[in-house]
């Protein structure tokens, strides 16, 4: 997977500064741009979906968010 991402220019591989057995993998500028584009596309999509909801549906979603936050907070 890492080799494929490297070939696509999405990640860069650099040797570890103190341990020659290890390689440090990080996002390239192209990889960061791709993730930013995907994030923007998802945000645009959900914004459009939310615009289509009526006030009752929006209120239901708000209530659901509170419930989900409670579940997460109580699971720690």
PDB file of N, CA and C in Angstrom:
ATOM      1  N   UNK A   1       0.833  -1.189   0.000  1.00  0.00           N
ATOM      2  CA  UNK A   1       0.000   0.000   0.000  1.00  0.00           C
ATOM      3  C   UNK A   1       0.879   1.254   0.000  1.00  0.00           C
ATOM      4  N   UNK A   2       1.873   1.257   0.870  1.00  0.00           N
ATOM      5  CA  UNK A   2       2.750   2.437   0.948  1.00  0.00           C
ATOM      6  C   UNK A   2       3.490   2.645  -0.372  1.00  0.00           C
ATOM      7  N   UNK A   3       3.953   1.569  -0.973  1.00  0.00           N
ATOM      8  CA  UNK A   3       4.659   1.685  -2.254  1.00  0.00           C
ATOM      9  C   UNK A   3       3.740   2.257  -3.321  1.00  0.00           C
ATOM     10  N   UNK A   4       2.485   1.811  -3.330  1.00  0.00           N
ATOM     11  CA  UNK A   4       1.526   2.317  -4.310  1.00  0.00           C
ATOM     12  C   UNK A   4       1.259   3.801  -4.087  1.00  0.00           C
ATOM     13  N   UNK A   5       1.073   4.188  -2.823  1.00  0.00           N
ATOM     14  CA  UNK A   5       0.851   5.604  -2.523  1.00  0.00           C
ATOM     15  C   UNK A   5       2.071   6.451  -2.884  1.00  0.00           C
ATOM     16  N   UNK A   6       3.257   5.889  -2.680  1.00  0.00           N
ATOM     17  CA  UNK A   6       4.485   6.590  -3.061  1.00  0.00           C
ATOM     18  C   UNK A   6       4.542   6.752  -4.574  1.00  0.00           C
ATOM     19  N   UNK A   7       4.224   5.689  -5.305  1.00  0.00           N
ATOM     20  CA  UNK A   7       4.224   5.755  -6.770  1.00  0.00           C
ATOM     21  C   UNK A   7       3.237   6.792  -7.291  1.00  0.00           C
ATOM     22  N   UNK A   8       2.116   6.942  -6.578  1.00  0.00           N
ATOM     23  CA  UNK A   8       1.097   7.923  -6.976  1.00  0.00           C
ATOM     24  C   UNK A   8       1.446   9.341  -6.528  1.00  0.00           C
ATOM     25  N   UNK A   9       2.506   9.463  -5.745  1.00  0.00           N
ATOM     26  CA  UNK A   9       2.917  10.785  -5.276  1.00  0.00           C
ATOM     27  C   UNK A   9       2.101  11.295  -4.102  1.00  0.00           C
ATOM     28  N   UNK A  10       1.386  10.410  -3.424  1.00  0.00           N
ATOM     29  CA  UNK A  10       0.528  10.824  -2.302  1.00  0.00           C
ATOM     30  C   UNK A  10       1.278  10.877  -0.975  1.00  0.00           C
ATOM     31  N   UNK A  11       2.334  10.076  -0.854  1.00  0.00           N
ATOM     32  CA  UNK A  11       3.143  10.079   0.362  1.00  0.00           C
ATOM     33  C   UNK A  11       4.619  10.157   0.001  1.00  0.00           C
ATOM     34  N   UNK A  12       5.408  10.567   0.987  1.00  0.00           N
ATOM     35  CA  UNK A  12       6.854  10.607   0.829  1.00  0.00           C
ATOM     36  C   UNK A  12       7.462   9.702   1.898  1.00  0.00           C
ATOM     37  N   UNK A  13       8.464   8.978   1.503  1.00  0.00           N
ATOM     38  CA  UNK A  13       9.171   8.087   2.432  1.00  0.00           C
ATOM     39  C   UNK A  13      10.538   8.683   2.695  1.00  0.00           C
ATOM     40  N   UNK A  14      10.884   8.780   3.996  1.00  0.00           N
ATOM     41  CA  UNK A  14      12.199   9.292   4.384  1.00  0.00           C
ATOM     42  C   UNK A  14      12.793   8.341   5.410  1.00  0.00           C
ATOM     43  N   UNK A  15      14.110   8.174   5.381  1.00  0.00           N
ATOM     44  CA  UNK A  15      14.732   7.320   6.384  1.00  0.00           C
ATOM     45  C   UNK A  15      14.596   7.933   7.778  1.00  0.00           C
ATOM     46  N   UNK A  16      14.464   7.074   8.763  1.00  0.00           N
ATOM     47  CA  UNK A  16      14.418   7.522  10.153  1.00  0.00           C
ATOM     48  C   UNK A  16      15.774   8.137  10.494  1.00  0.00           C
ATOM     49  N   UNK A  17      15.786   9.252  11.211  1.00  0.00           N
ATOM     50  CA  UNK A  17      17.067   9.923  11.462  1.00  0.00           C
ATOM     51  C   UNK A  17      18.050   9.136  12.336  1.00  0.00           C
ATOM     52  N   UNK A  18      17.544   8.233  13.186  1.00  0.00           N
ATOM     53  CA  UNK A  18      18.461   7.521  14.078  1.00  0.00           C
ATOM     54  C   UNK A  18      18.402   6.005  13.943  1.00  0.00           C
ATOM     55  N   UNK A  19      17.375   5.485  13.284  1.00  0.00           N
ATOM     56  CA  UNK A  19      17.221   4.033  13.168  1.00  0.00           C
ATOM     57  C   UNK A  19      17.083   3.668  11.694  1.00  0.00           C
ATOM     58  N   UNK A  20      18.151   3.187  11.120  1.00  0.00           N
ATOM     59  CA  UNK A  20      18.174   2.869   9.694  1.00  0.00           C
ATOM     60  C   UNK A  20      17.209   1.772   9.281  1.00  0.00           C
ATOM     61  N   UNK A  21      16.637   1.057  10.242  1.00  0.00           N
ATOM     62  CA  UNK A  21      15.668   0.005   9.916  1.00  0.00           C
ATOM     63  C   UNK A  21      14.279   0.569   9.656  1.00  0.00           C
ATOM     64  N   UNK A  22      14.066   1.806  10.038  1.00  0.00           N
ATOM     65  CA  UNK A  22      12.732   2.387   9.941  1.00  0.00           C
ATOM     66  C   UNK A  22      12.651   3.426   8.830  1.00  0.00           C
ATOM     67  N   UNK A  23      11.436   3.598   8.346  1.00  0.00           N
ATOM     68  CA  UNK A  23      11.139   4.617   7.328  1.00  0.00           C
ATOM     69  C   UNK A  23      10.004   5.475   7.872  1.00  0.00           C
ATOM     70  N   UNK A  24      10.105   6.765   7.697  1.00  0.00           N
ATOM     71  CA  UNK A  24       9.031   7.676   8.093  1.00  0.00           C
ATOM     72  C   UNK A  24       8.205   7.986   6.846  1.00  0.00           C
ATOM     73  N   UNK A  25       6.909   7.766   6.950  1.00  0.00           N
ATOM     74  CA  UNK A  25       6.000   8.013   5.836  1.00  0.00           C
ATOM     75  C   UNK A  25       5.127   9.204   6.209  1.00  0.00           C
ATOM     76  N   UNK A  26       5.045  10.177   5.308  1.00  0.00           N
ATOM     77  CA  UNK A  26       4.194  11.340   5.549  1.00  0.00           C
ATOM     78  C   UNK A  26       3.500  11.739   4.251  1.00  0.00           C
ATOM     79  N   UNK A  27       2.436  12.505   4.403  1.00  0.00           N
ATOM     80  CA  UNK A  27       1.704  12.957   3.225  1.00  0.00           C
ATOM     81  C   UNK A  27       2.544  13.923   2.406  1.00  0.00           C
ATOM     82  N   UNK A  28       2.460  13.806   1.113  1.00  0.00           N
ATOM     83  CA  UNK A  28       3.090  14.774   0.218  1.00  0.00           C
ATOM     84  C   UNK A  28       2.118  15.949   0.048  1.00  0.00           C
ATOM     85  N   UNK A  29       2.558  16.978  -0.641  1.00  0.00           N
ATOM     86  CA  UNK A  29       1.656  18.098  -0.923  1.00  0.00           C
ATOM     87  C   UNK A  29       0.447  17.616  -1.721  1.00  0.00           C
ATOM     88  N   UNK A  30       0.678  16.703  -2.654  1.00  0.00           N
ATOM     89  CA  UNK A  30      -0.434  16.153  -3.438  1.00  0.00           C
ATOM     90  C   UNK A  30      -1.391  15.365  -2.558  1.00  0.00           C
ATOM     91  N   UNK A  31      -0.860  14.605  -1.624  1.00  0.00           N
ATOM     92  CA  UNK A  31      -1.689  13.846  -0.703  1.00  0.00           C
ATOM     93  C   UNK A  31      -2.519  14.752   0.188  1.00  0.00           C
ATOM     94  N   UNK A  32      -1.889  15.812   0.693  1.00  0.00           N
ATOM     95  CA  UNK A  32      -2.612  16.769   1.524  1.00  0.00           C
ATOM     96  C   UNK A  32      -3.709  17.459   0.717  1.00  0.00           C
ATOM     97  N   UNK A  33      -3.407  17.808  -0.531  1.00  0.00           N
ATOM     98  CA  UNK A  33      -4.396  18.466  -1.388  1.00  0.00           C
ATOM     99  C   UNK A  33      -5.579  17.540  -1.662  1.00  0.00           C
ATOM    100  N   UNK A  34      -5.289  16.265  -1.900  1.00  0.00           N
ATOM    101  CA  UNK A  34      -6.361  15.297  -2.148  1.00  0.00           C
ATOM    102  C   UNK A  34      -7.275  15.176  -0.932  1.00  0.00           C
ATOM    103  N   UNK A  35      -6.691  15.072   0.242  1.00  0.00           N
ATOM    104  CA  UNK A  35      -7.500  14.966   1.462  1.00  0.00           C
ATOM    105  C   UNK A  35      -8.320  16.233   1.670  1.00  0.00           C
ATOM    106  N   UNK A  36      -7.717  17.397   1.443  1.00  0.00           N
ATOM    107  CA  UNK A  36      -8.450  18.655   1.584  1.00  0.00           C
ATOM    108  C   UNK A  36      -9.612  18.722   0.592  1.00  0.00           C
ATOM    109  N   UNK A  37      -9.379  18.293  -0.644  1.00  0.00           N
ATOM    110  CA  UNK A  37     -10.446  18.292  -1.652  1.00  0.00           C
ATOM    111  C   UNK A  37     -11.581  17.357  -1.257  1.00  0.00           C
ATOM    112  N   UNK A  38     -11.231  16.174  -0.759  1.00  0.00           N
ATOM    113  CA  UNK A  38     -12.253  15.211  -0.331  1.00  0.00           C
ATOM    114  C   UNK A  38     -13.052  15.754   0.847  1.00  0.00           C
ATOM    115  N   UNK A  39     -12.367  16.381   1.782  1.00  0.00           N
ATOM    116  CA  UNK A  39     -13.041  16.965   2.944  1.00  0.00           C
ATOM    117  C   UNK A  39     -13.998  18.067   2.507  1.00  0.00           C
ATOM    118  N   UNK A  40     -13.532  18.927   1.619  1.00  0.00           N
ATOM    119  CA  UNK A  40     -14.398  20.006   1.109  1.00  0.00           C
ATOM    120  C   UNK A  40     -15.625  19.443   0.400  1.00  0.00           C
ATOM    121  N   UNK A  41     -15.429  18.406  -0.387  1.00  0.00           N
ATOM    122  CA  UNK A  41     -16.543  17.796  -1.118  1.00  0.00           C
ATOM    123  C   UNK A  41     -17.567  17.213  -0.147  1.00  0.00           C
ATOM    124  N   UNK A  42     -17.099  16.558   0.906  1.00  0.00           N
ATOM    125  CA  UNK A  42     -18.021  15.988   1.905  1.00  0.00           C
ATOM    126  C   UNK A  42     -18.787  17.087   2.623  1.00  0.00           C
ATOM    127  N   UNK A  43     -18.086  18.175   2.978  1.00  0.00           N
ATOM    128  CA  UNK A  43     -18.750  19.281   3.663  1.00  0.00           C
ATOM    129  C   UNK A  43     -19.795  19.941   2.769  1.00  0.00           C
ATOM    130  N   UNK A  44     -19.482  20.105   1.496  1.00  0.00           N
ATOM    131  CA  UNK A  44     -20.463  20.677   0.557  1.00  0.00           C
ATOM    132  C   UNK A  44     -21.675  19.762   0.433  1.00  0.00           C
ATOM    133  N   UNK A  45     -21.415  18.448   0.360  1.00  0.00           N
ATOM    134  CA  UNK A  45     -22.502  17.487   0.219  1.00  0.00           C
ATOM    135  C   UNK A  45     -23.434  17.536   1.430  1.00  0.00           C
ATOM    136  N   UNK A  46     -22.861  17.478   2.651  1.00  0.00           N
ATOM    137  CA  UNK A  46     -23.719  17.461   3.837  1.00  0.00           C
ATOM    138  C   UNK A  46     -24.446  18.788   3.995  1.00  0.00           C
ATOM    139  N   UNK A  47     -23.828  19.884   3.626  1.00  0.00           N
ATOM    140  CA  UNK A  47     -24.488  21.195   3.689  1.00  0.00           C
ATOM    141  C   UNK A  47     -25.705  21.208   2.779  1.00  0.00           C
ATOM    142  N   UNK A  48     -25.556  20.681   1.578  1.00  0.00           N
ATOM    143  CA  UNK A  48     -26.692  20.625   0.647  1.00  0.00           C
ATOM    144  C   UNK A  48     -27.804  19.718   1.175  1.00  0.00           C
ATOM    145  N   UNK A  49     -27.422  18.603   1.775  1.00  0.00           N
ATOM    146  CA  UNK A  49     -28.427  17.680   2.320  1.00  0.00           C
ATOM    147  C   UNK A  49     -29.192  18.331   3.465  1.00  0.00           C
ATOM    148  N   UNK A  50     -28.481  19.040   4.325  1.00  0.00           N
ATOM    149  CA  UNK A  50     -29.121  19.691   5.463  1.00  0.00           C
ATOM    150  C   UNK A  50     -30.057  20.822   5.031  1.00  0.00           C
ATOM    151  N   UNK A  51     -29.713  21.505   3.956  1.00  0.00           N
ATOM    152  CA  UNK A  51     -30.573  22.585   3.444  1.00  0.00           C
ATOM    153  C   UNK A  51     -31.942  22.069   3.022  1.00  0.00           C
ATOM    154  N   UNK A  52     -32.008  20.811   2.640  1.00  0.00           N
ATOM    155  CA  UNK A  52     -33.258  20.236   2.149  1.00  0.00           C
ATOM    156  C   UNK A  52     -34.191  19.796   3.283  1.00  0.00           C
ATOM    157  N   UNK A  53     -33.701  19.815   4.529  1.00  0.00           N
ATOM    158  CA  UNK A  53     -34.510  19.355   5.649  1.00  0.00           C
ATOM    159  C   UNK A  53     -35.402  20.470   6.190  1.00  0.00           C
ATOM    160  N   UNK A  54     -36.547  20.060   6.741  1.00  0.00           N
ATOM    161  CA  UNK A  54     -37.414  21.058   7.379  1.00  0.00           C
ATOM    162  C   UNK A  54     -36.981  21.236   8.840  1.00  0.00           C
ATOM    163  N   UNK A  55     -37.602  22.188   9.532  1.00  0.00           N
ATOM    164  CA  UNK A  55     -37.202  22.518  10.898  1.00  0.00           C
ATOM    165  C   UNK A  55     -37.394  21.348  11.871  1.00  0.00           C
ATOM    166  N   UNK A  56     -38.423  20.546  11.656  1.00  0.00           N
ATOM    167  CA  UNK A  56     -38.650  19.381  12.520  1.00  0.00           C
ATOM    168  C   UNK A  56     -37.514  18.378  12.364  1.00  0.00           C
ATOM    169  N   UNK A  57     -37.099  18.153  11.146  1.00  0.00           N
ATOM    170  CA  UNK A  57     -35.997  17.226  10.895  1.00  0.00           C
ATOM    171  C   UNK A  57     -34.687  17.754  11.492  1.00  0.00           C
ATOM    172  N   UNK A  58     -34.468  19.043  11.354  1.00  0.00           N
ATOM    173  CA  UNK A  58     -33.259  19.658  11.928  1.00  0.00           C
ATOM    174  C   UNK A  58     -33.270  19.490  13.451  1.00  0.00           C
ATOM    175  N   UNK A  59     -34.426  19.722  14.075  1.00  0.00           N
ATOM    176  CA  UNK A  59     -34.542  19.562  15.530  1.00  0.00           C
ATOM    177  C   UNK A  59     -34.265  18.117  15.936  1.00  0.00           C
ATOM    178  N   UNK A  60     -34.754  17.170  15.156  1.00  0.00           N
ATOM    179  CA  UNK A  60     -34.509  15.749  15.444  1.00  0.00           C
ATOM    180  C   UNK A  60     -33.019  15.440  15.370  1.00  0.00           C
ATOM    181  N   UNK A  61     -32.352  15.979  14.365  1.00  0.00           N
ATOM    182  CA  UNK A  61     -30.901  15.770  14.248  1.00  0.00           C
ATOM    183  C   UNK A  61     -30.160  16.375  15.434  1.00  0.00           C
ATOM    184  N   UNK A  62     -30.577  17.571  15.869  1.00  0.00           N
ATOM    185  CA  UNK A  62     -29.934  18.189  17.033  1.00  0.00           C
ATOM    186  C   UNK A  62     -30.082  17.294  18.261  1.00  0.00           C
ATOM    187  N   UNK A  63     -31.298  16.763  18.460  1.00  0.00           N
ATOM    188  CA  UNK A  63     -31.525  15.857  19.592  1.00  0.00           C
ATOM    189  C   UNK A  63     -30.645  14.615  19.481  1.00  0.00           C
ATOM    190  N   UNK A  64     -30.516  14.092  18.274  1.00  0.00           N
ATOM    191  CA  UNK A  64     -29.692  12.899  18.061  1.00  0.00           C
ATOM    192  C   UNK A  64     -28.229  13.185  18.385  1.00  0.00           C
ATOM    193  N   UNK A  65     -27.747  14.362  18.034  1.00  0.00           N
ATOM    194  CA  UNK A  65     -26.357  14.722  18.320  1.00  0.00           C
ATOM    195  C   UNK A  65     -26.123  14.737  19.826  1.00  0.00           C
ATOM    196  N   UNK A  66     -27.072  15.281  20.577  1.00  0.00           N
ATOM    197  CA  UNK A  66     -26.940  15.301  22.036  1.00  0.00           C
ATOM    198  C   UNK A  66     -26.866  13.874  22.575  1.00  0.00           C
ATOM    199  N   UNK A  67     -27.732  13.005  22.090  1.00  0.00           N
ATOM    200  CA  UNK A  67     -27.739  11.604  22.534  1.00  0.00           C
ATOM    201  C   UNK A  67     -26.420  10.924  22.183  1.00  0.00           C
ATOM    202  N   UNK A  68     -25.936  11.111  20.971  1.00  0.00           N
ATOM    203  CA  UNK A  68     -24.675  10.496  20.563  1.00  0.00           C
ATOM    204  C   UNK A  68     -23.493  11.008  21.385  1.00  0.00           C
ATOM    205  N   UNK A  69     -23.497  12.302  21.678  1.00  0.00           N
ATOM    206  CA  UNK A  69     -22.411  12.850  22.525  1.00  0.00           C
ATOM    207  C   UNK A  69     -22.455  12.221  23.909  1.00  0.00           C
ATOM    208  N   UNK A  70     -23.661  12.061  24.454  1.00  0.00           N
ATOM    209  CA  UNK A  70     -23.798  11.418  25.765  1.00  0.00           C
ATOM    210  C   UNK A  70     -23.257   9.992  25.732  1.00  0.00           C
ATOM    211  N   UNK A  71     -23.589   9.263  24.686  1.00  0.00           N
ATOM    212  CA  UNK A  71     -23.099   7.884  24.553  1.00  0.00           C
ATOM    213  C   UNK A  71     -21.573   7.864  24.530  1.00  0.00           C
ATOM    214  N   UNK A  72     -20.982   8.739  23.726  1.00  0.00           N
ATOM    215  CA  UNK A  72     -19.524   8.787  23.624  1.00  0.00           C
ATOM    216  C   UNK A  72     -18.902   9.191  24.946  1.00  0.00           C
ATOM    217  N   UNK A  73     -19.450  10.225  25.575  1.00  0.00           N
ATOM    218  CA  UNK A  73     -18.900  10.692  26.855  1.00  0.00           C
ATOM    219  C   UNK A  73     -18.978   9.623  27.928  1.00  0.00           C
ATOM    220  N   UNK A  74     -20.030   8.830  27.918  1.00  0.00           N
ATOM    221  CA  UNK A  74     -20.209   7.812  28.949  1.00  0.00           C
ATOM    222  C   UNK A  74     -19.459   6.518  28.651  1.00  0.00           C
ATOM    223  N   UNK A  75     -18.881   6.410  27.476  1.00  0.00           N
ATOM    224  CA  UNK A  75     -18.175   5.182  27.123  1.00  0.00           C
ATOM    225  C   UNK A  75     -16.702   5.240  27.492  1.00  0.00           C
ATOM    226  N   UNK A  76     -16.240   6.368  27.927  1.00  0.00           N
ATOM    227  CA  UNK A  76     -14.807   6.519  28.243  1.00  0.00           C
ATOM    228  C   UNK A  76     -14.454   6.016  29.589  1.00  0.00           C
TER     229      UNK A  76
END
